[in-house]
Amino acid sequence: MSESYIICSLFSLSSTLFLALLFFSLLFTFMVFRSHLYILYRLSLLSEGVFFSHFYCKPNNPSSSATPLYLKNTKEKKVKSKTKMSSPSKRRDMDLMKLMMSDYKVDMINDGMQEFYVDFHGPNESPYQGGVWKIRVELPDAYPYKSPSIGFVNKIYHPNVDEMSGSVCLDVINQTWSPMFELVNVFEVFLPQLLLYPNPTDPLNGEAAALMMRDRTAYEQRVQEYKEKYAKPEHVGVNPDEKSSDEELSDEEYASSDEGFAGQADP
């Protein structure tokens, strides 16, 4: 009984020692393998000249500290970006040239580059389709960091356009403008979206907003009436700062007729 116990004890002890030896040998092998990989990695970097020639540039003055190349490249990019962004006049001229090269007719005001008219056609699949409006555009000195001012010259019936002044209630123009936007975006995206999806809850024309919410069919009929009366191609061909001869004549005839009636004596 004692001999079998002793044999079992020796067997268990030898097994434990074998497992411990196996564990430490595997750990030692892993550490050696890891160190070899690290050494090979360092050698490959040194062979490519990464440590000093890639991340650091050699200073002209040996006493000065080396500047990391990645920091130098970052500084150069910042300087270049500031140089590009510090010339709003170049950006303004470039955007204006893009607009002129597009399908939009652009008429300059007083031979300047900051005020001009653009002929804008109503978007398809909307009540404004077939209409033509002359849009007055004024570019501030800080463009593109500050949004352009736009307004309809000939009348349009729309909840978000003031009927008398032609000013536009558009968030992307008034509040959320970004220098990433261009003038072409105003006429290709912003204004078409405004005419396709009016917002009667934030109106500049209260009558149009109320009619749109109350009777959409009557609203679209009123849009058609304004389009036929004010938004034909011949309407945008007349200089908006000048009255037509017919209007002047009608005003003069109206005034003369009033004087004639006023001069007649009662029988």
Protein backbone atom coordinates (compact mmCIF):
# COMPACT_ATOMS: atom_id res chain seq x y z
CA MET A 1 0.00 0.00 0.00
CA SER A 2 2.80 2.38 0.86
CA GLU A 3 4.76 1.54 -2.28
CA SER A 4 1.81 2.28 -4.56
CA TYR A 5 1.21 5.59 -2.77
CA ILE A 6 4.83 6.55 -3.21
CA ILE A 7 4.72 5.65 -6.92
CA CYS A 8 1.57 7.73 -7.45
CA SER A 9 3.11 10.68 -5.66
CA LEU A 10 6.27 10.52 -7.75
CA PHE A 11 4.20 10.27 -10.95
CA SER A 12 2.11 13.31 -10.08
CA LEU A 13 5.20 15.29 -9.12
CA SER A 14 6.97 14.43 -12.34
CA SER A 15 3.87 15.40 -14.33
CA THR A 16 3.72 18.75 -12.59
CA LEU A 17 7.39 19.41 -13.24
CA PHE A 18 6.97 18.45 -16.90
CA LEU A 19 4.04 20.80 -17.37
CA ALA A 20 5.90 23.64 -15.67
CA LEU A 21 8.95 23.03 -17.82
CA LEU A 22 6.80 22.97 -20.96
CA PHE A 23 5.11 26.24 -20.01
CA PHE A 24 8.36 28.09 -19.36
CA SER A 25 9.91 26.74 -22.56
CA LEU A 26 6.95 27.97 -24.59
CA LEU A 27 7.11 31.36 -22.86
CA PHE A 28 10.83 31.63 -23.55
CA THR A 29 10.29 30.70 -27.21
CA PHE A 30 7.59 33.33 -27.58
CA MET A 31 9.76 36.06 -26.03
CA VAL A 32 12.68 35.15 -28.30
CA PHE A 33 10.42 35.15 -31.35
CA ARG A 34 8.95 38.52 -30.38
CA SER A 35 12.38 40.07 -29.87
CA HIS A 36 13.51 38.78 -33.25
CA LEU A 37 10.48 40.28 -34.95
CA TYR A 38 11.11 43.65 -33.29
CA ILE A 39 14.76 43.59 -34.35
CA LEU A 40 13.79 42.77 -37.93
CA TYR A 41 11.25 45.58 -37.90
CA ARG A 42 13.85 48.08 -36.66
CA LEU A 43 16.33 46.93 -39.26
CA SER A 44 13.78 47.33 -42.04
CA LEU A 45 13.01 50.86 -40.88
CA LEU A 46 16.67 51.73 -40.68
CA SER A 47 17.27 50.37 -44.15
CA GLU A 48 14.54 52.65 -45.50
CA GLY A 49 15.86 55.61 -43.55
CA VAL A 50 12.61 56.23 -41.76
CA PHE A 51 13.74 57.19 -38.30
CA PHE A 52 15.53 60.41 -39.15
CA SER A 53 15.40 61.02 -42.87
CA HIS A 54 11.63 60.53 -43.20
CA PHE A 55 10.12 61.99 -40.05
CA TYR A 56 12.70 64.72 -39.54
CA CYS A 57 14.32 67.18 -41.88
CA LYS A 58 17.95 68.18 -41.44
CA PRO A 59 18.30 71.70 -40.06
CA ASN A 60 20.52 74.21 -41.80
CA ASN A 61 21.91 75.26 -38.46
CA PRO A 62 23.41 72.27 -36.60
CA SER A 63 22.68 73.89 -33.25
CA SER A 64 18.97 74.17 -33.99
CA SER A 65 16.64 71.29 -33.32
CA ALA A 66 15.24 69.27 -36.21
CA THR A 67 11.66 69.90 -37.23
CA PRO A 68 9.51 66.86 -38.00
CA LEU A 69 8.64 66.70 -41.66
CA TYR A 70 5.02 65.85 -40.96
CA LEU A 71 4.74 69.00 -38.84
CA LYS A 72 6.45 70.98 -41.56
CA ASN A 73 4.04 69.64 -44.18
CA THR A 74 1.10 70.52 -41.95
CA LYS A 75 2.36 74.07 -41.53
CA GLU A 76 2.88 74.41 -45.27
CA LYS A 77 -0.65 73.18 -45.95
CA LYS A 78 -2.06 75.69 -43.46
CA VAL A 79 -0.12 78.52 -45.09
CA LYS A 80 -1.30 77.46 -48.54
CA SER A 81 -4.90 77.21 -47.38
CA LYS A 82 -4.72 80.65 -45.79
CA THR A 83 -3.28 82.03 -49.00
CA LYS A 84 -6.12 80.53 -51.01
CA MET A 85 -8.83 81.60 -48.57
CA SER A 86 -7.41 85.13 -48.21
CA SER A 87 -8.44 86.11 -51.76
CA PRO A 88 -12.25 86.36 -51.84
CA SER A 89 -12.09 88.51 -54.97
CA LYS A 90 -10.57 85.62 -56.94
CA ARG A 91 -13.25 83.28 -55.66
CA ARG A 92 -15.93 85.80 -56.56
CA ASP A 93 -14.60 86.17 -60.11
CA MET A 94 -14.31 82.39 -60.50
CA ASP A 95 -17.88 81.76 -59.33
CA LEU A 96 -19.19 84.50 -61.59
CA MET A 97 -17.36 83.01 -64.57
CA LYS A 98 -18.87 79.60 -63.79
CA LEU A 99 -22.32 81.16 -63.73
CA MET A 100 -21.72 82.93 -67.04
CA MET A 101 -20.53 79.70 -68.65
CA SER A 102 -23.69 77.89 -67.55
CA ASP A 103 -27.13 78.11 -69.17
CA TYR A 104 -28.08 81.24 -67.23
CA LYS A 105 -28.18 84.67 -68.81
CA VAL A 106 -26.18 87.15 -66.71
CA ASP A 107 -26.42 90.94 -67.15
CA MET A 108 -23.87 93.02 -65.25
CA ILE A 109 -24.87 96.26 -63.53
CA ASN A 110 -22.61 99.29 -64.05
CA ASP A 111 -19.80 97.09 -65.43
CA GLY A 112 -19.11 95.82 -61.93
CA MET A 113 -18.49 92.30 -60.69
CA GLN A 114 -20.61 92.47 -57.55
CA GLU A 115 -24.06 93.37 -58.86
CA PHE A 116 -25.82 91.68 -61.73
CA TYR A 117 -29.09 90.19 -62.96
CA VAL A 118 -29.68 86.50 -63.70
CA ASP A 119 -32.60 85.13 -65.73
CA PHE A 120 -34.10 82.25 -63.75
CA HIS A 121 -36.61 79.81 -65.24
CA GLY A 122 -39.21 78.13 -63.07
CA PRO A 123 -38.49 74.46 -62.31
CA ASN A 124 -40.28 71.70 -64.14
CA GLU A 125 -43.19 69.87 -62.54
CA SER A 126 -44.17 72.94 -60.54
CA PRO A 127 -46.78 75.70 -60.96
CA TYR A 128 -43.89 78.03 -61.87
CA GLN A 129 -42.83 75.98 -64.92
CA GLY A 130 -42.64 78.17 -68.02
CA GLY A 131 -42.11 81.40 -66.08
CA VAL A 132 -38.97 83.54 -66.29
CA TRP A 133 -37.85 85.77 -63.44
CA LYS A 134 -35.05 88.28 -63.30
CA ILE A 135 -33.05 87.83 -60.11
CA ARG A 136 -30.93 90.66 -58.77
CA VAL A 137 -27.75 89.43 -57.10
CA GLU A 138 -25.42 91.48 -54.92
CA LEU A 139 -22.14 89.96 -53.73
CA PRO A 140 -20.70 91.41 -50.51
CA ASP A 141 -17.00 92.18 -50.17
CA ALA A 142 -16.63 89.19 -47.84
CA TYR A 143 -18.06 86.70 -50.35
CA PRO A 144 -17.89 83.65 -50.17
CA TYR A 145 -17.69 83.91 -46.38
CA LYS A 146 -20.86 86.02 -46.43
CA SER A 147 -23.91 85.02 -48.42
CA PRO A 148 -25.05 86.91 -51.52
CA SER A 149 -28.19 89.01 -51.46
CA ILE A 150 -30.82 87.91 -53.95
CA GLY A 151 -34.26 89.18 -54.85
CA PHE A 152 -36.93 88.77 -57.51
CA VAL A 153 -37.28 91.81 -59.77
CA ASN A 154 -40.54 90.91 -61.50
CA LYS A 155 -43.38 89.78 -59.28
CA ILE A 156 -43.91 86.20 -58.19
CA TYR A 157 -46.71 84.75 -56.07
CA HIS A 158 -44.95 82.66 -53.43
CA PRO A 159 -45.33 82.35 -49.64
CA ASN A 160 -41.59 82.89 -49.04
CA VAL A 161 -41.06 85.83 -51.42
CA ASP A 162 -42.16 89.34 -50.55
CA GLU A 163 -44.47 90.53 -53.31
CA MET A 164 -43.42 94.17 -53.16
CA SER A 165 -39.65 94.02 -52.53
CA GLY A 166 -38.90 90.60 -54.03
CA SER A 167 -36.80 89.59 -51.03
CA VAL A 168 -36.48 85.86 -50.37
CA CYS A 169 -36.90 83.95 -47.12
CA LEU A 170 -34.39 81.14 -47.56
CA ASP A 171 -32.39 79.69 -44.66
CA VAL A 172 -29.42 78.66 -46.78
CA ILE A 173 -29.05 82.28 -47.92
CA ASN A 174 -29.92 84.06 -44.70
CA GLN A 175 -28.55 81.76 -41.98
CA THR A 176 -26.78 78.55 -43.01
CA TRP A 177 -24.62 79.82 -45.87
CA SER A 178 -21.22 78.15 -46.23
CA PRO A 179 -18.13 79.16 -48.26
CA MET A 180 -18.39 75.74 -49.90
CA PHE A 181 -21.49 76.91 -51.79
CA GLU A 182 -21.18 78.57 -55.18
CA LEU A 183 -23.36 80.96 -57.15
CA VAL A 184 -24.39 78.14 -59.47
CA ASN A 185 -25.82 76.29 -56.45
CA VAL A 186 -28.20 79.19 -55.82
CA PHE A 187 -29.82 78.84 -59.24
CA GLU A 188 -29.48 75.09 -59.72
CA VAL A 189 -30.48 73.92 -56.23
CA PHE A 190 -31.64 76.54 -53.73
CA LEU A 191 -34.15 78.56 -55.77
CA PRO A 192 -35.64 75.51 -57.55
CA GLN A 193 -36.13 73.83 -54.18
CA LEU A 194 -37.77 76.99 -52.86
CA LEU A 195 -40.31 77.03 -55.72
CA LEU A 196 -40.90 73.28 -55.60
CA TYR A 197 -41.42 73.12 -51.83
CA PRO A 198 -42.82 76.40 -50.42
CA ASN A 199 -42.91 76.79 -46.65
CA PRO A 200 -46.17 78.50 -45.65
CA THR A 201 -45.29 78.33 -41.94
CA ASP A 202 -42.56 80.99 -42.33
CA PRO A 203 -44.05 83.38 -44.89
CA LEU A 204 -43.08 86.74 -46.33
CA ASN A 205 -46.33 86.80 -48.28
CA GLY A 206 -49.03 86.04 -45.73
CA GLU A 207 -51.84 86.03 -48.28
CA ALA A 208 -50.10 83.42 -50.45
CA ALA A 209 -49.28 81.27 -47.42
CA ALA A 210 -52.88 81.37 -46.15
CA LEU A 211 -54.29 80.56 -49.58
CA MET A 212 -51.85 77.69 -50.04
CA MET A 213 -52.84 76.10 -46.74
CA ARG A 214 -56.55 76.74 -47.31
CA ASP A 215 -56.97 75.87 -51.00
CA ARG A 216 -54.00 74.50 -52.93
CA THR A 217 -55.86 74.57 -56.25
CA ALA A 218 -56.75 78.25 -55.88
CA TYR A 219 -53.16 78.97 -54.85
CA GLU A 220 -51.76 77.32 -57.99
CA GLN A 221 -54.28 79.22 -60.11
CA ARG A 222 -53.07 82.50 -58.59
CA VAL A 223 -49.48 81.46 -59.33
CA GLN A 224 -50.46 80.90 -62.96
CA GLU A 225 -52.09 84.34 -63.13
CA TYR A 226 -48.97 86.05 -61.80
CA LYS A 227 -46.80 84.00 -64.15
CA GLU A 228 -48.84 85.03 -67.18
CA LYS A 229 -48.90 88.67 -66.10
CA TYR A 230 -45.35 89.21 -64.81
CA ALA A 231 -43.08 86.27 -65.73
CA LYS A 232 -43.07 86.04 -69.51
CA PRO A 233 -39.77 86.30 -71.44
CA GLU A 234 -40.73 89.78 -72.66
CA HIS A 235 -41.11 90.89 -69.05
CA VAL A 236 -37.49 90.13 -68.14
CA GLY A 237 -36.21 91.80 -71.32
CA VAL A 238 -37.16 95.26 -70.03
CA ASN A 239 -34.76 97.09 -67.76
CA PRO A 240 -36.49 96.98 -64.35
CA ASP A 241 -35.12 100.43 -63.41
CA GLU A 242 -36.99 102.04 -66.26
CA LYS A 243 -40.68 102.18 -67.07
CA SER A 244 -41.87 101.06 -70.45
CA SER A 245 -43.22 103.67 -72.86
CA ASP A 246 -46.70 102.13 -72.63
CA GLU A 247 -46.72 102.52 -68.84
CA GLU A 248 -45.52 106.13 -69.07
CA LEU A 249 -48.12 106.88 -71.70
CA SER A 250 -50.89 105.31 -69.68
CA ASP A 251 -49.85 107.33 -66.62
CA GLU A 252 -49.80 110.56 -68.62
CA GLU A 253 -53.16 109.82 -70.22
CA TYR A 254 -54.60 109.00 -66.80
CA ALA A 255 -53.29 112.27 -65.35
CA SER A 256 -54.55 114.32 -68.31
CA SER A 257 -57.96 112.69 -68.09
CA ASP A 258 -58.14 113.55 -64.41
CA GLU A 259 -57.27 117.19 -65.14
CA GLY A 260 -59.89 117.30 -67.91
CA PHE A 261 -62.61 116.03 -65.63
CA ALA A 262 -61.50 118.38 -62.88
CA GLY A 263 -61.58 121.38 -65.25
CA GLN A 264 -65.13 120.81 -66.44
CA ALA A 265 -67.71 123.11 -64.83
CA ASP A 266 -71.01 121.87 -63.58
CA PRO A 267 -73.99 122.87 -65.78
